[in-house]
C-alpha atoms as a PDB file:
ATOM      1  CA  UNK A   1     -11.475   9.106   5.336  1.00  0.00           C
ATOM      2  CA  UNK A   2      -9.355  12.233   5.216  1.00  0.00           C
ATOM      3  CA  UNK A   3      -6.054  10.726   6.336  1.00  0.00           C
ATOM      4  CA  UNK A   4      -4.376   7.421   5.550  1.00  0.00           C
ATOM      5  CA  UNK A   5      -1.563   6.197   7.770  1.00  0.00           C
ATOM      6  CA  UNK A   6       0.850   3.299   8.044  1.00  0.00           C
ATOM      7  CA  UNK A   7      -1.559   1.352  10.259  1.00  0.00           C
ATOM      8  CA  UNK A   8      -4.209   1.621   7.519  1.00  0.00           C
ATOM      9  CA  UNK A   9      -1.579   0.423   5.072  1.00  0.00           C
ATOM     10  CA  UNK A  10      -0.672  -2.544   7.307  1.00  0.00           C
ATOM     11  CA  UNK A  11      -4.330  -3.565   7.540  1.00  0.00           C
ATOM     12  CA  UNK A  12      -4.725  -3.562   3.767  1.00  0.00           C
ATOM     13  CA  UNK A  13      -1.365  -5.251   3.182  1.00  0.00           C
ATOM     14  CA  UNK A  14      -2.201  -8.079   5.574  1.00  0.00           C
ATOM     15  CA  UNK A  15      -5.161  -9.135   3.437  1.00  0.00           C
ATOM     16  CA  UNK A  16      -3.373  -9.309   0.095  1.00  0.00           C
ATOM     17  CA  UNK A  17      -2.967 -12.592  -1.756  1.00  0.00           C
ATOM     18  CA  UNK A  18       0.448 -14.028  -2.398  1.00  0.00           C
ATOM     19  CA  UNK A  19       2.008 -12.583   0.734  1.00  0.00           C
ATOM     20  CA  UNK A  20       4.133 -14.959   2.793  1.00  0.00           C
ATOM     21  CA  UNK A  21       2.725 -15.622   6.250  1.00  0.00           C
ATOM     22  CA  UNK A  22       6.184 -14.986   7.684  1.00  0.00           C
ATOM     23  CA  UNK A  23       6.027 -11.262   6.856  1.00  0.00           C
ATOM     24  CA  UNK A  24       5.996  -9.192  10.059  1.00  0.00           C
ATOM     25  CA  UNK A  25       3.978  -6.063   9.354  1.00  0.00           C
ATOM     26  CA  UNK A  26       4.115  -4.890  12.973  1.00  0.00           C
ATOM     27  CA  UNK A  27       7.695  -3.685  12.700  1.00  0.00           C
ATOM     28  CA  UNK A  28       9.223  -0.638  11.048  1.00  0.00           C
ATOM     29  CA  UNK A  29       8.150  -1.380   7.474  1.00  0.00           C
ATOM     30  CA  UNK A  30       7.668   2.166   6.200  1.00  0.00           C
ATOM     31  CA  UNK A  31      10.847   2.364   4.149  1.00  0.00           C
ATOM     32  CA  UNK A  32      11.298  -1.328   3.374  1.00  0.00           C
ATOM     33  CA  UNK A  33      10.547  -2.128  -0.247  1.00  0.00           C
ATOM     34  CA  UNK A  34       7.525  -4.230  -1.048  1.00  0.00           C
ATOM     35  CA  UNK A  35       9.893  -6.705  -2.733  1.00  0.00           C
ATOM     36  CA  UNK A  36      11.938  -7.062   0.479  1.00  0.00           C
ATOM     37  CA  UNK A  37       8.683  -7.582   2.399  1.00  0.00           C
ATOM     38  CA  UNK A  38       7.839 -10.481   0.078  1.00  0.00           C
ATOM     39  CA  UNK A  39       5.123  -8.721  -1.924  1.00  0.00           C
ATOM     40  CA  UNK A  40       5.086  -9.733  -5.560  1.00  0.00           C
ATOM     41  CA  UNK A  41       3.558  -7.576  -8.289  1.00  0.00           C
ATOM     42  CA  UNK A  42       0.194  -9.338  -7.937  1.00  0.00           C
ATOM     43  CA  UNK A  43       0.035  -8.545  -4.216  1.00  0.00           C
ATOM     44  CA  UNK A  44       0.926  -4.896  -4.861  1.00  0.00           C
ATOM     45  CA  UNK A  45      -1.783  -4.628  -7.525  1.00  0.00           C
ATOM     46  CA  UNK A  46      -4.318  -6.191  -5.166  1.00  0.00           C
ATOM     47  CA  UNK A  47      -3.232  -3.792  -2.449  1.00  0.00           C
ATOM     48  CA  UNK A  48      -3.724  -0.741  -4.654  1.00  0.00           C
ATOM     49  CA  UNK A  49      -7.086  -2.069  -5.855  1.00  0.00           C
ATOM     50  CA  UNK A  50      -8.224  -2.377  -2.244  1.00  0.00           C
ATOM     51  CA  UNK A  51      -7.051   1.165  -1.478  1.00  0.00           C
ATOM     52  CA  UNK A  52      -8.903   2.494  -4.510  1.00  0.00           C
ATOM     53  CA  UNK A  53     -12.069   0.634  -3.581  1.00  0.00           C
ATOM     54  CA  UNK A  54     -11.959   1.592   0.090  1.00  0.00           C
ATOM     55  CA  UNK A  55     -11.072   5.255  -0.351  1.00  0.00           C
ATOM     56  CA  UNK A  56     -12.644   6.003  -3.704  1.00  0.00           C
ATOM     57  CA  UNK A  57      -9.461   7.377  -5.231  1.00  0.00           C
ATOM     58  CA  UNK A  58      -7.803   6.421  -8.500  1.00  0.00           C
ATOM     59  CA  UNK A  59      -4.224   5.145  -8.520  1.00  0.00           C
ATOM     60  CA  UNK A  60      -2.847   5.013 -12.075  1.00  0.00           C
ATOM     61  CA  UNK A  61      -0.445   2.245 -13.080  1.00  0.00           C
ATOM     62  CA  UNK A  62       2.537   4.608 -13.340  1.00  0.00           C
ATOM     63  CA  UNK A  63       1.938   5.735  -9.749  1.00  0.00           C
ATOM     64  CA  UNK A  64       1.880   2.100  -8.608  1.00  0.00           C
ATOM     65  CA  UNK A  65       5.298   1.640 -10.224  1.00  0.00           C
ATOM     66  CA  UNK A  66       6.632   4.594  -8.217  1.00  0.00           C
ATOM     67  CA  UNK A  67       5.320   3.320  -4.880  1.00  0.00           C
ATOM     68  CA  UNK A  68       8.210   1.109  -3.855  1.00  0.00           C
ATOM     69  CA  UNK A  69       7.612   1.174  -0.091  1.00  0.00           C
ATOM     70  CA  UNK A  70       4.604   1.283   2.224  1.00  0.00           C
ATOM     71  CA  UNK A  71       5.479   4.856   3.245  1.00  0.00           C
ATOM     72  CA  UNK A  72       5.635   5.950  -0.398  1.00  0.00           C
ATOM     73  CA  UNK A  73       2.178   4.453  -0.886  1.00  0.00           C
ATOM     74  CA  UNK A  74       0.836   6.213   2.223  1.00  0.00           C
ATOM     75  CA  UNK A  75       2.284   9.530   1.050  1.00  0.00           C
ATOM     76  CA  UNK A  76       0.756   9.115  -2.411  1.00  0.00           C
ATOM     77  CA  UNK A  77      -2.657   8.213  -1.008  1.00  0.00           C
ATOM     78  CA  UNK A  78      -2.637  11.219   1.326  1.00  0.00           C
ATOM     79  CA  UNK A  79      -1.782  13.544  -1.564  1.00  0.00           C
ATOM     80  CA  UNK A  80      -4.745  12.116  -3.496  1.00  0.00           C
ATOM     81  CA  UNK A  81      -7.046  12.466  -0.493  1.00  0.00           C
ATOM     82  CA  UNK A  82      -6.197  16.159  -0.064  1.00  0.00           C
ATOM     83  CA  UNK A  83      -6.893  16.912  -3.738  1.00  0.00           C
ATOM     84  CA  UNK A  84     -10.126  14.889  -3.854  1.00  0.00           C
END
């Protein structure tokens, strides 16, 4: 994969543990914080682990801390994909 978009992010987010079933990922979630979407730290860690596994990129813990929204995560992943 050479590009990662918000739809890819939604797909990965929908499979994470600890996420309330009431979360609507179909809407405009790009700039909504993971906390406001109901994602706890465990769900965010699972999400980043899935991204790493699927795309073969490394996401260090300090980068995870900086990814507060789905769009921030997408932007980070795309930067990693272009340097890989």
